Amino acid sequence: MLQIIPKKNFTPDLYTIKEMHRIIDGGGKVIIFPEGMSSIGGGNQPCAIGSGKMLKHFGVPVLVTKISGGYLTNTKYCLDERHGKVEVVIDRLFEPEELEKMTEEEIEDRLHAAIRNDDYAWNKRERVKFDGKGRMAHNMHHLLYWCPKCGAEFAMRGSGDVIKCSACGNGATVNDYYDLIPLDDTCVIPETPKVWFDMERKKEYGELLKDGYELRENVKLGVLPSEEFLKDKKTSEIVGAGQLRLDRQGLHYDGTRDGGRFEIHMPPALQPDFVRGESFRSAVFYRFSIDSSSMQ
């Protein structure tokens, strides 16, 4: 009734492709979200692997819609609705003749460039006010957990309009434009929350290259049902629990599934398939969620 095509996340879905063919062959139009997920830090994620192959396969005119400001109305770390302006630009991206001549990699590269976006950088230019009701920094430490001055991890605390390090006092006020205003002249604050977020990722990448790097977490293992769709806003069916470990050899799960012992070992070459605690491996979808019962 809503003309929405169901799609199982990160899993090959023949039904989805058939439905897209049915609509396109009938002269209709299909809207897709090439990232396959919402923004984590205010910028776009890469498009899903295989997007270039799919567009080349269908060989139809392709338009691109670029949305700016949407993340700032409803951030990942705080779900408050903050009214403000959202800008939408629609442009033509590919003609069928172009898709026929281009390689799948060239198509994907152009798609990456077309959807590249940074809402915080956009608002540095546009200067749109977002109504944060005095909670602009609320829970911001869930995203900005590292102090760029003293280097402490998980010492940042976001409350009201202020994010501050409990270890050294480094911090900033967040105004309705999402500007980070240092609390005093001694504070070391990145230009935008997105720049801060990217610094954290770059720092962690550097740590990953060192010998002995390891992250461990007690998790619950979830999968998608094989014959039906999930209900009640569930993201997976919990089928086991264990420990998830990330090191230079890859991603490893050691625990249970359906009452028995179960292990997963994913080498680094497959890491592009691992996003937001989710993995597609051998046509099976796994979701790892933190086991809150094991947290202090």
C-alpha atoms as a PDB file:
ATOM      1  CA  MET A   1       0.000   0.000   0.000  1.00  0.00           C
ATOM      2  CA  LEU A   2       2.888   2.367   0.772  1.00  0.00           C
ATOM      3  CA  GLN A   3       4.806   1.265  -2.345  1.00  0.00           C
ATOM      4  CA  ILE A   4       7.879   0.417  -0.270  1.00  0.00           C
ATOM      5  CA  ILE A   5      10.106  -2.477  -1.343  1.00  0.00           C
ATOM      6  CA  PRO A   6      11.269  -4.554   1.671  1.00  0.00           C
ATOM      7  CA  LYS A   7      15.014  -5.139   1.910  1.00  0.00           C
ATOM      8  CA  LYS A   8      16.993  -7.162   4.443  1.00  0.00           C
ATOM      9  CA  ASN A   9      19.995  -5.110   5.554  1.00  0.00           C
ATOM     10  CA  PHE A  10      23.442  -6.135   4.223  1.00  0.00           C
ATOM     11  CA  THR A  11      22.043  -9.358   2.768  1.00  0.00           C
ATOM     12  CA  PRO A  12      21.558 -10.261  -0.926  1.00  0.00           C
ATOM     13  CA  ASP A  13      17.813 -10.074  -1.493  1.00  0.00           C
ATOM     14  CA  LEU A  14      16.569 -11.438  -4.822  1.00  0.00           C
ATOM     15  CA  TYR A  15      13.010 -10.307  -4.065  1.00  0.00           C
ATOM     16  CA  THR A  16      14.179  -6.692  -3.821  1.00  0.00           C
ATOM     17  CA  ILE A  17      15.903  -6.795  -7.232  1.00  0.00           C
ATOM     18  CA  LYS A  18      12.853  -8.439  -8.829  1.00  0.00           C
ATOM     19  CA  GLU A  19      10.577  -5.750  -7.438  1.00  0.00           C
ATOM     20  CA  MET A  20      12.889  -3.001  -8.689  1.00  0.00           C
ATOM     21  CA  HIS A  21      12.842  -4.631 -12.141  1.00  0.00           C
ATOM     22  CA  ARG A  22       9.048  -4.828 -12.061  1.00  0.00           C
ATOM     23  CA  ILE A  23       8.683  -1.130 -11.295  1.00  0.00           C
ATOM     24  CA  ILE A  24      11.333   0.067 -13.757  1.00  0.00           C
ATOM     25  CA  ASP A  25      10.077  -2.187 -16.569  1.00  0.00           C
ATOM     26  CA  GLY A  26       6.603  -0.747 -15.966  1.00  0.00           C
ATOM     27  CA  GLY A  27       7.869   2.807 -16.415  1.00  0.00           C
ATOM     28  CA  GLY A  28       8.012   3.618 -12.710  1.00  0.00           C
ATOM     29  CA  LYS A  29      10.713   5.172 -10.557  1.00  0.00           C
ATOM     30  CA  VAL A  30      12.669   3.713  -7.626  1.00  0.00           C
ATOM     31  CA  ILE A  31      14.219   5.690  -4.761  1.00  0.00           C
ATOM     32  CA  ILE A  32      17.202   4.091  -3.009  1.00  0.00           C
ATOM     33  CA  PHE A  33      19.423   5.185  -0.122  1.00  0.00           C
ATOM     34  CA  PRO A  34      22.933   4.127  -1.224  1.00  0.00           C
ATOM     35  CA  GLU A  35      24.434   4.483   2.285  1.00  0.00           C
ATOM     36  CA  GLY A  36      21.918   2.017   3.716  1.00  0.00           C
ATOM     37  CA  MET A  37      22.003   3.715   7.131  1.00  0.00           C
ATOM     38  CA  SER A  38      21.603   7.059   8.859  1.00  0.00           C
ATOM     39  CA  SER A  39      24.565   9.344   9.576  1.00  0.00           C
ATOM     40  CA  ILE A  40      26.611   8.654  12.709  1.00  0.00           C
ATOM     41  CA  GLY A  41      28.601  11.877  13.054  1.00  0.00           C
ATOM     42  CA  GLY A  42      26.955  14.423  10.760  1.00  0.00           C
ATOM     43  CA  GLY A  43      28.600  13.333   7.513  1.00  0.00           C
ATOM     44  CA  ASN A  44      27.629  10.666   5.033  1.00  0.00           C
ATOM     45  CA  GLN A  45      28.737   7.048   5.104  1.00  0.00           C
ATOM     46  CA  PRO A  46      30.174   5.364   1.971  1.00  0.00           C
ATOM     47  CA  CYS A  47      27.628   3.932  -0.437  1.00  0.00           C
ATOM     48  CA  ALA A  48      27.001   0.210  -0.123  1.00  0.00           C
ATOM     49  CA  ILE A  49      29.455  -2.044  -1.930  1.00  0.00           C
ATOM     50  CA  GLY A  50      27.938  -3.093  -5.268  1.00  0.00           C
ATOM     51  CA  SER A  51      26.031   0.169  -5.873  1.00  0.00           C
ATOM     52  CA  GLY A  52      27.958   0.760  -9.107  1.00  0.00           C
ATOM     53  CA  LYS A  53      27.152  -2.741 -10.329  1.00  0.00           C
ATOM     54  CA  MET A  54      23.454  -2.251  -9.586  1.00  0.00           C
ATOM     55  CA  LEU A  55      23.195   1.096 -11.419  1.00  0.00           C
ATOM     56  CA  LYS A  56      25.059  -0.285 -14.432  1.00  0.00           C
ATOM     57  CA  HIS A  57      22.749  -3.317 -14.456  1.00  0.00           C
ATOM     58  CA  PHE A  58      19.560  -1.246 -14.651  1.00  0.00           C
ATOM     59  CA  GLY A  59      20.976   1.310 -17.101  1.00  0.00           C
ATOM     60  CA  VAL A  60      18.358   4.019 -16.509  1.00  0.00           C
ATOM     61  CA  PRO A  61      18.658   7.794 -15.875  1.00  0.00           C
ATOM     62  CA  VAL A  62      19.806   8.423 -12.307  1.00  0.00           C
ATOM     63  CA  LEU A  63      19.070  11.525 -10.246  1.00  0.00           C
ATOM     64  CA  VAL A  64      20.777  12.329  -6.938  1.00  0.00           C
ATOM     65  CA  THR A  65      19.186  14.051  -3.943  1.00  0.00           C
ATOM     66  CA  LYS A  66      21.558  15.719  -1.481  1.00  0.00           C
ATOM     67  CA  ILE A  67      20.088  16.637   1.909  1.00  0.00           C
ATOM     68  CA  SER A  68      21.908  19.144   4.139  1.00  0.00           C
ATOM     69  CA  GLY A  69      20.902  19.979   7.703  1.00  0.00           C
ATOM     70  CA  GLY A  70      18.834  16.870   8.306  1.00  0.00           C
ATOM     71  CA  TYR A  71      21.264  15.429  10.870  1.00  0.00           C
ATOM     72  CA  LEU A  72      21.225  18.697  12.819  1.00  0.00           C
ATOM     73  CA  THR A  73      17.485  18.384  13.404  1.00  0.00           C
ATOM     74  CA  ASN A  74      17.856  14.969  15.035  1.00  0.00           C
ATOM     75  CA  THR A  75      21.416  13.883  15.942  1.00  0.00           C
ATOM     76  CA  LYS A  76      22.494  10.314  16.576  1.00  0.00           C
ATOM     77  CA  TYR A  77      23.642  11.053  20.151  1.00  0.00           C
ATOM     78  CA  CYS A  78      20.497  12.985  21.156  1.00  0.00           C
ATOM     79  CA  LEU A  79      17.100  12.242  19.644  1.00  0.00           C
ATOM     80  CA  ASP A  80      15.546  15.622  20.521  1.00  0.00           C
ATOM     81  CA  GLU A  81      13.764  17.210  17.573  1.00  0.00           C
ATOM     82  CA  ARG A  82      15.496  20.526  16.859  1.00  0.00           C
ATOM     83  CA  HIS A  83      13.607  22.648  14.378  1.00  0.00           C
ATOM     84  CA  GLY A  84      15.668  24.394  11.712  1.00  0.00           C
ATOM     85  CA  LYS A  85      16.125  24.622   7.949  1.00  0.00           C
ATOM     86  CA  VAL A  86      16.888  21.571   5.827  1.00  0.00           C
ATOM     87  CA  GLU A  87      18.204  22.086   2.294  1.00  0.00           C
ATOM     88  CA  VAL A  88      17.481  19.594  -0.487  1.00  0.00           C
ATOM     89  CA  VAL A  89      19.223  19.753  -3.876  1.00  0.00           C
ATOM     90  CA  ILE A  90      18.253  17.423  -6.733  1.00  0.00           C
ATOM     91  CA  ASP A  91      20.497  16.972  -9.769  1.00  0.00           C
ATOM     92  CA  ARG A  92      21.028  14.562 -12.653  1.00  0.00           C
ATOM     93  CA  LEU A  93      23.873  12.117 -11.972  1.00  0.00           C
ATOM     94  CA  PHE A  94      23.944   9.552 -14.807  1.00  0.00           C
ATOM     95  CA  GLU A  95      22.473   9.057 -18.263  1.00  0.00           C
ATOM     96  CA  PRO A  96      22.034   5.484 -19.550  1.00  0.00           C
ATOM     97  CA  GLU A  97      24.732   6.043 -22.192  1.00  0.00           C
ATOM     98  CA  GLU A  98      27.230   7.033 -19.482  1.00  0.00           C
ATOM     99  CA  LEU A  99      26.469   3.980 -17.359  1.00  0.00           C
ATOM    100  CA  GLU A 100      27.054   1.719 -20.364  1.00  0.00           C
ATOM    101  CA  LYS A 101      30.539   3.156 -20.988  1.00  0.00           C
ATOM    102  CA  MET A 102      31.698   3.485 -17.363  1.00  0.00           C
ATOM    103  CA  THR A 103      33.111   0.702 -15.208  1.00  0.00           C
ATOM    104  CA  GLU A 104      31.377  -0.301 -11.990  1.00  0.00           C
ATOM    105  CA  GLU A 105      34.233   1.293 -10.025  1.00  0.00           C
ATOM    106  CA  GLU A 106      33.935   4.596 -11.933  1.00  0.00           C
ATOM    107  CA  ILE A 107      30.189   4.688 -11.292  1.00  0.00           C
ATOM    108  CA  GLU A 108      30.699   4.064  -7.596  1.00  0.00           C
ATOM    109  CA  ASP A 109      33.414   6.739  -7.362  1.00  0.00           C
ATOM    110  CA  ARG A 110      31.110   9.352  -8.887  1.00  0.00           C
ATOM    111  CA  LEU A 111      28.285   8.280  -6.579  1.00  0.00           C
ATOM    112  CA  HIS A 112      30.586   8.667  -3.558  1.00  0.00           C
ATOM    113  CA  ALA A 113      31.502  12.196  -4.653  1.00  0.00           C
ATOM    114  CA  ALA A 114      27.869  13.153  -5.328  1.00  0.00           C
ATOM    115  CA  ILE A 115      26.542  12.159  -1.895  1.00  0.00           C
ATOM    116  CA  ARG A 116      29.528  13.490   0.098  1.00  0.00           C
ATOM    117  CA  ASN A 117      28.171  15.799   2.785  1.00  0.00           C
ATOM    118  CA  ASP A 118      29.065  17.402   6.126  1.00  0.00           C
ATOM    119  CA  ASP A 119      26.131  19.078   7.892  1.00  0.00           C
ATOM    120  CA  TYR A 120      28.365  20.962  10.339  1.00  0.00           C
ATOM    121  CA  ALA A 121      30.505  22.441   7.536  1.00  0.00           C
ATOM    122  CA  TRP A 122      27.301  23.288   5.634  1.00  0.00           C
ATOM    123  CA  ASN A 123      25.966  25.236   8.611  1.00  0.00           C
ATOM    124  CA  LYS A 124      29.225  27.146   8.990  1.00  0.00           C
ATOM    125  CA  ARG A 125      28.220  28.702   5.652  1.00  0.00           C
ATOM    126  CA  GLU A 126      24.426  28.826   5.997  1.00  0.00           C
ATOM    127  CA  ARG A 127      24.225  29.915   9.679  1.00  0.00           C
ATOM    128  CA  VAL A 128      20.899  28.222  10.415  1.00  0.00           C
ATOM    129  CA  LYS A 129      19.684  28.248  14.036  1.00  0.00           C
ATOM    130  CA  PHE A 130      18.425  24.936  15.437  1.00  0.00           C
ATOM    131  CA  ASP A 131      16.210  25.081  18.512  1.00  0.00           C
ATOM    132  CA  GLY A 132      18.055  22.966  21.076  1.00  0.00           C
ATOM    133  CA  LYS A 133      16.020  24.190  24.072  1.00  0.00           C
ATOM    134  CA  GLY A 134      19.159  24.447  26.195  1.00  0.00           C
ATOM    135  CA  ARG A 135      20.220  20.843  25.452  1.00  0.00           C
ATOM    136  CA  MET A 136      22.585  21.287  22.505  1.00  0.00           C
ATOM    137  CA  ALA A 137      25.352  19.268  24.187  1.00  0.00           C
ATOM    138  CA  HIS A 138      23.067  16.687  25.822  1.00  0.00           C
ATOM    139  CA  ASN A 139      24.689  13.230  25.521  1.00  0.00           C
ATOM    140  CA  MET A 140      27.275  14.593  23.058  1.00  0.00           C
ATOM    141  CA  HIS A 141      29.922  12.558  24.911  1.00  0.00           C
ATOM    142  CA  HIS A 142      28.465   9.393  23.369  1.00  0.00           C
ATOM    143  CA  LEU A 143      29.980  10.637  20.099  1.00  0.00           C
ATOM    144  CA  LEU A 144      32.814  12.902  21.331  1.00  0.00           C
ATOM    145  CA  TYR A 145      34.324  10.665  24.010  1.00  0.00           C
ATOM    146  CA  TRP A 146      38.011  11.684  23.642  1.00  0.00           C
ATOM    147  CA  CYS A 147      39.537  14.869  25.079  1.00  0.00           C
ATOM    148  CA  PRO A 148      41.716  16.604  22.436  1.00  0.00           C
ATOM    149  CA  LYS A 149      43.683  18.396  25.179  1.00  0.00           C
ATOM    150  CA  CYS A 150      44.678  15.759  27.760  1.00  0.00           C
ATOM    151  CA  GLY A 151      43.885  12.669  25.677  1.00  0.00           C
ATOM    152  CA  ALA A 152      41.596  11.090  28.276  1.00  0.00           C
ATOM    153  CA  GLU A 153      39.019   8.688  26.878  1.00  0.00           C
ATOM    154  CA  PHE A 154      35.408   8.552  28.136  1.00  0.00           C
ATOM    155  CA  ALA A 155      36.020  11.576  30.395  1.00  0.00           C
ATOM    156  CA  MET A 156      33.962  13.988  28.290  1.00  0.00           C
ATOM    157  CA  ARG A 157      30.463  14.797  29.595  1.00  0.00           C
ATOM    158  CA  GLY A 158      27.779  16.587  27.609  1.00  0.00           C
ATOM    159  CA  SER A 159      24.991  18.228  29.587  1.00  0.00           C
ATOM    160  CA  GLY A 160      22.784  21.192  28.758  1.00  0.00           C
ATOM    161  CA  ASP A 161      24.780  23.346  26.332  1.00  0.00           C
ATOM    162  CA  VAL A 162      28.239  22.366  27.636  1.00  0.00           C
ATOM    163  CA  ILE A 163      30.567  19.473  26.873  1.00  0.00           C
ATOM    164  CA  LYS A 164      33.494  19.229  29.302  1.00  0.00           C
ATOM    165  CA  CYS A 165      36.331  16.876  30.219  1.00  0.00           C
ATOM    166  CA  SER A 166      36.070  15.683  33.823  1.00  0.00           C
ATOM    167  CA  ALA A 167      39.821  14.959  33.841  1.00  0.00           C
ATOM    168  CA  CYS A 168      41.262  18.343  32.829  1.00  0.00           C
ATOM    169  CA  GLY A 169      38.350  20.786  32.466  1.00  0.00           C
ATOM    170  CA  ASN A 170      38.778  21.205  28.714  1.00  0.00           C
ATOM    171  CA  GLY A 171      35.432  21.996  27.155  1.00  0.00           C
ATOM    172  CA  ALA A 172      33.110  24.108  25.047  1.00  0.00           C
ATOM    173  CA  THR A 173      29.662  25.642  24.918  1.00  0.00           C
ATOM    174  CA  VAL A 174      27.499  24.505  21.992  1.00  0.00           C
ATOM    175  CA  ASN A 175      25.254  27.248  20.613  1.00  0.00           C
ATOM    176  CA  ASP A 176      22.163  26.948  18.403  1.00  0.00           C
ATOM    177  CA  TYR A 177      24.368  26.946  15.284  1.00  0.00           C
ATOM    178  CA  TYR A 178      26.336  23.944  16.644  1.00  0.00           C
ATOM    179  CA  ASP A 179      29.409  26.173  17.024  1.00  0.00           C
ATOM    180  CA  LEU A 180      31.887  24.884  19.622  1.00  0.00           C
ATOM    181  CA  ILE A 181      32.906  27.876  21.742  1.00  0.00           C
ATOM    182  CA  PRO A 182      35.883  27.115  24.078  1.00  0.00           C
ATOM    183  CA  LEU A 183      35.180  27.681  27.778  1.00  0.00           C
ATOM    184  CA  ASP A 184      38.421  29.685  28.092  1.00  0.00           C
ATOM    185  CA  ASP A 185      41.686  30.443  26.302  1.00  0.00           C
ATOM    186  CA  THR A 186      43.350  27.252  27.548  1.00  0.00           C
ATOM    187  CA  CYS A 187      40.812  24.921  25.974  1.00  0.00           C
ATOM    188  CA  VAL A 188      41.683  22.866  22.893  1.00  0.00           C
ATOM    189  CA  ILE A 189      38.538  22.382  20.827  1.00  0.00           C
ATOM    190  CA  PRO A 190      38.220  21.188  17.174  1.00  0.00           C
ATOM    191  CA  GLU A 191      36.445  23.410  14.661  1.00  0.00           C
ATOM    192  CA  THR A 192      33.243  21.328  14.483  1.00  0.00           C
ATOM    193  CA  PRO A 193      31.836  18.149  16.078  1.00  0.00           C
ATOM    194  CA  LYS A 194      32.429  16.354  12.745  1.00  0.00           C
ATOM    195  CA  VAL A 195      36.125  17.354  12.770  1.00  0.00           C
ATOM    196  CA  TRP A 196      36.328  16.098  16.384  1.00  0.00           C
ATOM    197  CA  PHE A 197      34.642  12.823  15.429  1.00  0.00           C
ATOM    198  CA  ASP A 198      37.033  12.329  12.496  1.00  0.00           C
ATOM    199  CA  MET A 199      40.022  12.975  14.796  1.00  0.00           C
ATOM    200  CA  GLU A 200      38.797  10.173  17.065  1.00  0.00           C
ATOM    201  CA  ARG A 201      38.513   7.786  14.133  1.00  0.00           C
ATOM    202  CA  LYS A 202      41.972   8.718  12.848  1.00  0.00           C
ATOM    203  CA  LYS A 203      43.424   8.231  16.337  1.00  0.00           C
ATOM    204  CA  GLU A 204      41.830   4.793  16.660  1.00  0.00           C
ATOM    205  CA  TYR A 205      43.065   3.836  13.198  1.00  0.00           C
ATOM    206  CA  GLY A 206      46.597   4.692  14.321  1.00  0.00           C
ATOM    207  CA  GLU A 207      46.177   2.509  17.389  1.00  0.00           C
ATOM    208  CA  LEU A 208      44.921  -0.336  15.219  1.00  0.00           C
ATOM    209  CA  LEU A 209      48.246  -0.368  13.348  1.00  0.00           C
ATOM    210  CA  LYS A 210      50.218  -0.975  16.537  1.00  0.00           C
ATOM    211  CA  ASP A 211      51.233  -4.445  17.687  1.00  0.00           C
ATOM    212  CA  GLY A 212      49.062  -5.797  20.475  1.00  0.00           C
ATOM    213  CA  TYR A 213      46.022  -3.635  19.659  1.00  0.00           C
ATOM    214  CA  GLU A 214      42.816  -5.229  20.864  1.00  0.00           C
ATOM    215  CA  LEU A 215      39.234  -4.283  21.724  1.00  0.00           C
ATOM    216  CA  ARG A 216      36.993  -6.661  23.682  1.00  0.00           C
ATOM    217  CA  GLU A 217      33.321  -6.436  24.580  1.00  0.00           C
ATOM    218  CA  ASN A 218      30.680  -8.797  25.932  1.00  0.00           C
ATOM    219  CA  VAL A 219      27.901  -8.890  23.346  1.00  0.00           C
ATOM    220  CA  LYS A 220      24.639 -10.509  22.370  1.00  0.00           C
ATOM    221  CA  LEU A 221      24.466 -12.203  18.972  1.00  0.00           C
ATOM    222  CA  GLY A 222      21.518 -11.395  16.714  1.00  0.00           C
ATOM    223  CA  VAL A 223      20.462 -12.771  13.331  1.00  0.00           C
ATOM    224  CA  LEU A 224      17.666 -12.129  10.848  1.00  0.00           C
ATOM    225  CA  PRO A 225      14.823 -14.668  10.645  1.00  0.00           C
ATOM    226  CA  SER A 226      15.019 -16.771   7.498  1.00  0.00           C
ATOM    227  CA  GLU A 227      11.321 -16.920   6.629  1.00  0.00           C
ATOM    228  CA  GLU A 228       9.754 -13.725   7.991  1.00  0.00           C
ATOM    229  CA  PHE A 229      10.387 -10.069   8.739  1.00  0.00           C
ATOM    230  CA  LEU A 230      11.156  -8.612  12.147  1.00  0.00           C
ATOM    231  CA  LYS A 231       8.374  -6.989  14.158  1.00  0.00           C
ATOM    232  CA  ASP A 232       8.046  -4.454  16.996  1.00  0.00           C
ATOM    233  CA  LYS A 233      11.017  -2.386  15.729  1.00  0.00           C
ATOM    234  CA  LYS A 234      13.466  -5.199  16.487  1.00  0.00           C
ATOM    235  CA  THR A 235      16.759  -5.129  14.568  1.00  0.00           C
ATOM    236  CA  SER A 236      17.514  -8.846  14.970  1.00  0.00           C
ATOM    237  CA  GLU A 237      16.555 -11.997  16.843  1.00  0.00           C
ATOM    238  CA  ILE A 238      18.897 -12.679  19.784  1.00  0.00           C
ATOM    239  CA  VAL A 239      20.234 -16.232  19.473  1.00  0.00           C
ATOM    240  CA  GLY A 240      23.341 -16.207  21.670  1.00  0.00           C
ATOM    241  CA  ALA A 241      25.911 -14.325  23.719  1.00  0.00           C
ATOM    242  CA  GLY A 242      29.680 -14.206  23.981  1.00  0.00           C
ATOM    243  CA  GLN A 243      32.748 -12.020  23.594  1.00  0.00           C
ATOM    244  CA  LEU A 244      33.580  -9.911  20.543  1.00  0.00           C
ATOM    245  CA  ARG A 245      37.265  -9.132  19.909  1.00  0.00           C
ATOM    246  CA  LEU A 246      38.817  -6.815  17.317  1.00  0.00           C
ATOM    247  CA  ASP A 247      42.549  -7.021  16.612  1.00  0.00           C
ATOM    248  CA  ARG A 248      44.941  -6.855  13.674  1.00  0.00           C
ATOM    249  CA  GLN A 249      43.973 -10.377  12.626  1.00  0.00           C
ATOM    250  CA  GLY A 250      40.339  -9.361  12.231  1.00  0.00           C
ATOM    251  CA  LEU A 251      37.033  -9.582  14.076  1.00  0.00           C
ATOM    252  CA  HIS A 252      36.343 -12.595  16.299  1.00  0.00           C
ATOM    253  CA  TYR A 253      33.230 -13.779  18.126  1.00  0.00           C
ATOM    254  CA  ASP A 254      33.514 -16.575  20.689  1.00  0.00           C
ATOM    255  CA  GLY A 255      30.300 -17.594  22.405  1.00  0.00           C
ATOM    256  CA  THR A 256      27.034 -19.384  21.830  1.00  0.00           C
ATOM    257  CA  ARG A 257      24.298 -19.653  19.225  1.00  0.00           C
ATOM    258  CA  ASP A 258      21.024 -21.520  19.694  1.00  0.00           C
ATOM    259  CA  GLY A 259      22.344 -23.119  22.877  1.00  0.00           C
ATOM    260  CA  GLY A 260      25.610 -24.447  21.415  1.00  0.00           C
ATOM    261  CA  ARG A 261      29.187 -23.223  21.002  1.00  0.00           C
ATOM    262  CA  PHE A 262      29.677 -20.835  18.100  1.00  0.00           C
ATOM    263  CA  GLU A 263      32.629 -18.871  16.685  1.00  0.00           C
ATOM    264  CA  ILE A 264      33.082 -16.289  13.945  1.00  0.00           C
ATOM    265  CA  HIS A 265      36.463 -15.215  12.575  1.00  0.00           C
ATOM    266  CA  MET A 266      36.382 -12.413  10.006  1.00  0.00           C
ATOM    267  CA  PRO A 267      39.751 -11.426   8.445  1.00  0.00           C
ATOM    268  CA  PRO A 268      40.592  -7.752   7.778  1.00  0.00           C
ATOM    269  CA  ALA A 269      39.802  -8.143   4.071  1.00  0.00           C
ATOM    270  CA  LEU A 270      36.125  -8.485   4.982  1.00  0.00           C
ATOM    271  CA  GLN A 271      36.039  -5.504   7.351  1.00  0.00           C
ATOM    272  CA  PRO A 272      34.268  -3.195   4.824  1.00  0.00           C
ATOM    273  CA  ASP A 273      31.220  -5.425   5.388  1.00  0.00           C
ATOM    274  CA  PHE A 274      31.264  -4.679   9.125  1.00  0.00           C
ATOM    275  CA  VAL A 275      29.399  -1.485  10.058  1.00  0.00           C
ATOM    276  CA  ARG A 276      27.607  -0.297  13.178  1.00  0.00           C
ATOM    277  CA  GLY A 277      28.017  -3.652  14.910  1.00  0.00           C
ATOM    278  CA  GLU A 278      26.576  -5.535  11.945  1.00  0.00           C
ATOM    279  CA  SER A 279      28.191  -7.996   9.576  1.00  0.00           C
ATOM    280  CA  PHE A 280      27.281  -9.846   6.391  1.00  0.00           C
ATOM    281  CA  ARG A 281      29.214 -13.093   6.099  1.00  0.00           C
ATOM    282  CA  SER A 282      28.536 -16.038   3.783  1.00  0.00           C
ATOM    283  CA  ALA A 283      24.992 -14.765   3.055  1.00  0.00           C
ATOM    284  CA  VAL A 284      24.233 -14.630   6.804  1.00  0.00           C
ATOM    285  CA  PHE A 285      23.599 -11.392   8.704  1.00  0.00           C
ATOM    286  CA  TYR A 286      24.966 -11.032  12.247  1.00  0.00           C
ATOM    287  CA  ARG A 287      24.341  -8.180  14.655  1.00  0.00           C
ATOM    288  CA  PHE A 288      26.429  -7.651  17.787  1.00  0.00           C
ATOM    289  CA  SER A 289      24.921  -5.549  20.573  1.00  0.00           C
ATOM    290  CA  ILE A 290      26.541  -4.696  23.900  1.00  0.00           C
ATOM    291  CA  ASP A 291      25.397  -6.993  26.697  1.00  0.00           C
ATOM    292  CA  SER A 292      24.278  -4.393  29.249  1.00  0.00           C
ATOM    293  CA  SER A 293      23.986  -7.034  31.981  1.00  0.00           C
ATOM    294  CA  SER A 294      27.789  -7.350  31.944  1.00  0.00           C
ATOM    295  CA  MET A 295      28.432  -3.613  32.332  1.00  0.00           C
ATOM    296  CA  GLN A 296      29.488  -2.188  35.700  1.00  0.00           C
END
